[in-house]
């Protein structure tokens, strides 16, 4: 994957605030697509704290949550800790559907 393009965020903000057309901004900063321009603008907003960033899989920062493990007991039942039951709001006799996915297993409350 190519390196992410970086731009001077102050100059980008100034150009946008002045109402400069997108084509001119793209030429000035050597941006190839409008999607790339929008992504750079959003990244600049997040960097300046004007917009909250989106936590994702690769975040790994303070917002990232630690994975929780469950186990299969001798009878073949999935065992979930009381802490997880309370955290997720599960109730006695809740029904779930489970299916195999490309990423692993999906458990969905029915």
Protein backbone atom coordinates (compact mmCIF):
# COMPACT_ATOMS: atom_id res chain seq x y z
CA UNK A 1 0.00 0.00 0.00
CA UNK A 2 1.41 3.45 -0.87
CA UNK A 3 2.35 5.89 1.86
CA UNK A 4 -0.38 8.25 2.99
CA UNK A 5 -0.02 11.74 1.54
CA UNK A 6 0.62 14.54 4.03
CA UNK A 7 -0.16 18.22 3.51
CA UNK A 8 0.23 21.46 5.42
CA UNK A 9 -3.09 21.47 7.29
CA UNK A 10 -3.04 25.21 7.96
CA UNK A 11 -2.70 25.99 4.24
CA UNK A 12 -5.40 23.44 3.43
CA UNK A 13 -7.79 25.02 5.96
CA UNK A 14 -7.03 28.50 4.65
CA UNK A 15 -7.74 27.45 1.04
CA UNK A 16 -11.04 25.83 2.04
CA UNK A 17 -12.11 28.78 4.22
CA UNK A 18 -11.42 31.18 1.34
CA UNK A 19 -13.82 29.19 -0.82
CA UNK A 20 -11.15 28.00 -3.27
CA UNK A 21 -12.65 25.49 -5.73
CA UNK A 22 -11.73 21.87 -5.11
CA UNK A 23 -9.93 21.55 -8.45
CA UNK A 24 -7.57 24.41 -7.55
CA UNK A 25 -6.89 22.96 -4.09
CA UNK A 26 -6.20 19.56 -5.64
CA UNK A 27 -3.73 21.09 -8.13
CA UNK A 28 -2.00 23.18 -5.45
CA UNK A 29 -1.49 20.23 -3.08
CA UNK A 30 -0.98 17.62 -5.85
CA UNK A 31 -4.04 15.65 -4.80
CA UNK A 32 -5.35 13.25 -7.44
CA UNK A 33 -8.95 12.56 -6.38
CA UNK A 34 -11.72 14.34 -4.53
CA UNK A 35 -11.95 11.37 -2.15
CA UNK A 36 -8.29 11.90 -1.24
CA UNK A 37 -8.98 15.62 -0.67
CA UNK A 38 -11.90 14.81 1.64
CA UNK A 39 -9.83 12.27 3.57
CA UNK A 40 -6.98 14.76 4.03
CA UNK A 41 -9.42 17.44 5.18
CA UNK A 42 -11.02 15.05 7.69
CA UNK A 43 -7.58 13.98 8.95
CA UNK A 44 -6.67 17.64 9.42
CA UNK A 45 -9.89 18.31 11.34
CA UNK A 46 -9.19 15.33 13.62
CA UNK A 47 -5.57 16.41 14.15
CA UNK A 48 -6.73 19.88 15.25
CA UNK A 49 -9.36 18.41 17.56
CA UNK A 50 -12.28 19.93 15.66
CA UNK A 51 -13.73 16.48 14.92
CA UNK A 52 -13.48 13.37 17.07
CA UNK A 53 -11.62 10.50 15.40
CA UNK A 54 -13.28 7.17 14.67
CA UNK A 55 -11.99 4.24 16.71
CA UNK A 56 -11.18 1.30 14.49
CA UNK A 57 -9.43 -2.02 14.46
CA UNK A 58 -6.01 -0.47 13.91
CA UNK A 59 -6.57 2.31 16.45
CA UNK A 60 -4.74 0.68 19.32
CA UNK A 61 -4.98 3.94 21.27
CA UNK A 62 -6.70 4.60 24.57
CA UNK A 63 -10.13 4.12 22.98
CA UNK A 64 -9.24 0.59 21.85
CA UNK A 65 -10.85 -2.11 24.00
CA UNK A 66 -9.08 -5.28 25.04
CA UNK A 67 -10.47 -8.50 23.56
CA UNK A 68 -12.40 -10.75 25.91
CA UNK A 69 -12.12 -14.51 25.76
CA UNK A 70 -14.82 -17.11 26.26
CA UNK A 71 -14.41 -20.89 26.44
CA UNK A 72 -16.18 -24.09 25.46
CA UNK A 73 -16.84 -26.40 28.44
CA UNK A 74 -16.87 -30.24 28.51
CA UNK A 75 -20.53 -30.31 27.45
CA UNK A 76 -19.79 -28.13 24.40
CA UNK A 77 -21.44 -24.98 25.80
CA UNK A 78 -19.95 -21.54 25.38
CA UNK A 79 -19.06 -20.09 28.77
CA UNK A 80 -19.29 -16.30 29.11
CA UNK A 81 -18.17 -14.56 32.30
CA UNK A 82 -20.71 -12.80 34.53
CA UNK A 83 -18.82 -9.54 33.88
CA UNK A 84 -19.42 -9.91 30.13
CA UNK A 85 -23.09 -10.83 30.65
CA UNK A 86 -23.60 -7.65 32.67
CA UNK A 87 -21.53 -5.47 30.31
CA UNK A 88 -23.47 -6.61 27.23
CA UNK A 89 -26.84 -6.63 28.97
CA UNK A 90 -27.63 -10.30 28.34
CA UNK A 91 -30.58 -11.78 30.22
CA UNK A 92 -31.52 -15.34 31.18
CA UNK A 93 -33.01 -17.21 28.22
CA UNK A 94 -31.79 -14.68 25.60
CA UNK A 95 -31.51 -16.41 22.21
CA UNK A 96 -28.57 -15.91 19.85
CA UNK A 97 -27.76 -16.93 16.30
CA UNK A 98 -24.21 -17.98 15.49
CA UNK A 99 -22.58 -18.31 12.09
CA UNK A 100 -19.16 -18.80 10.59
CA UNK A 101 -17.70 -15.73 8.83
CA UNK A 102 -14.49 -14.96 6.95
CA UNK A 103 -13.18 -13.24 10.09
CA UNK A 104 -14.17 -16.09 12.42
CA UNK A 105 -17.51 -16.43 14.19
CA UNK A 106 -20.45 -14.01 14.47
CA UNK A 107 -22.76 -14.15 17.49
CA UNK A 108 -25.95 -12.11 17.12
CA UNK A 109 -28.78 -11.61 19.58
CA UNK A 110 -31.98 -12.87 17.91
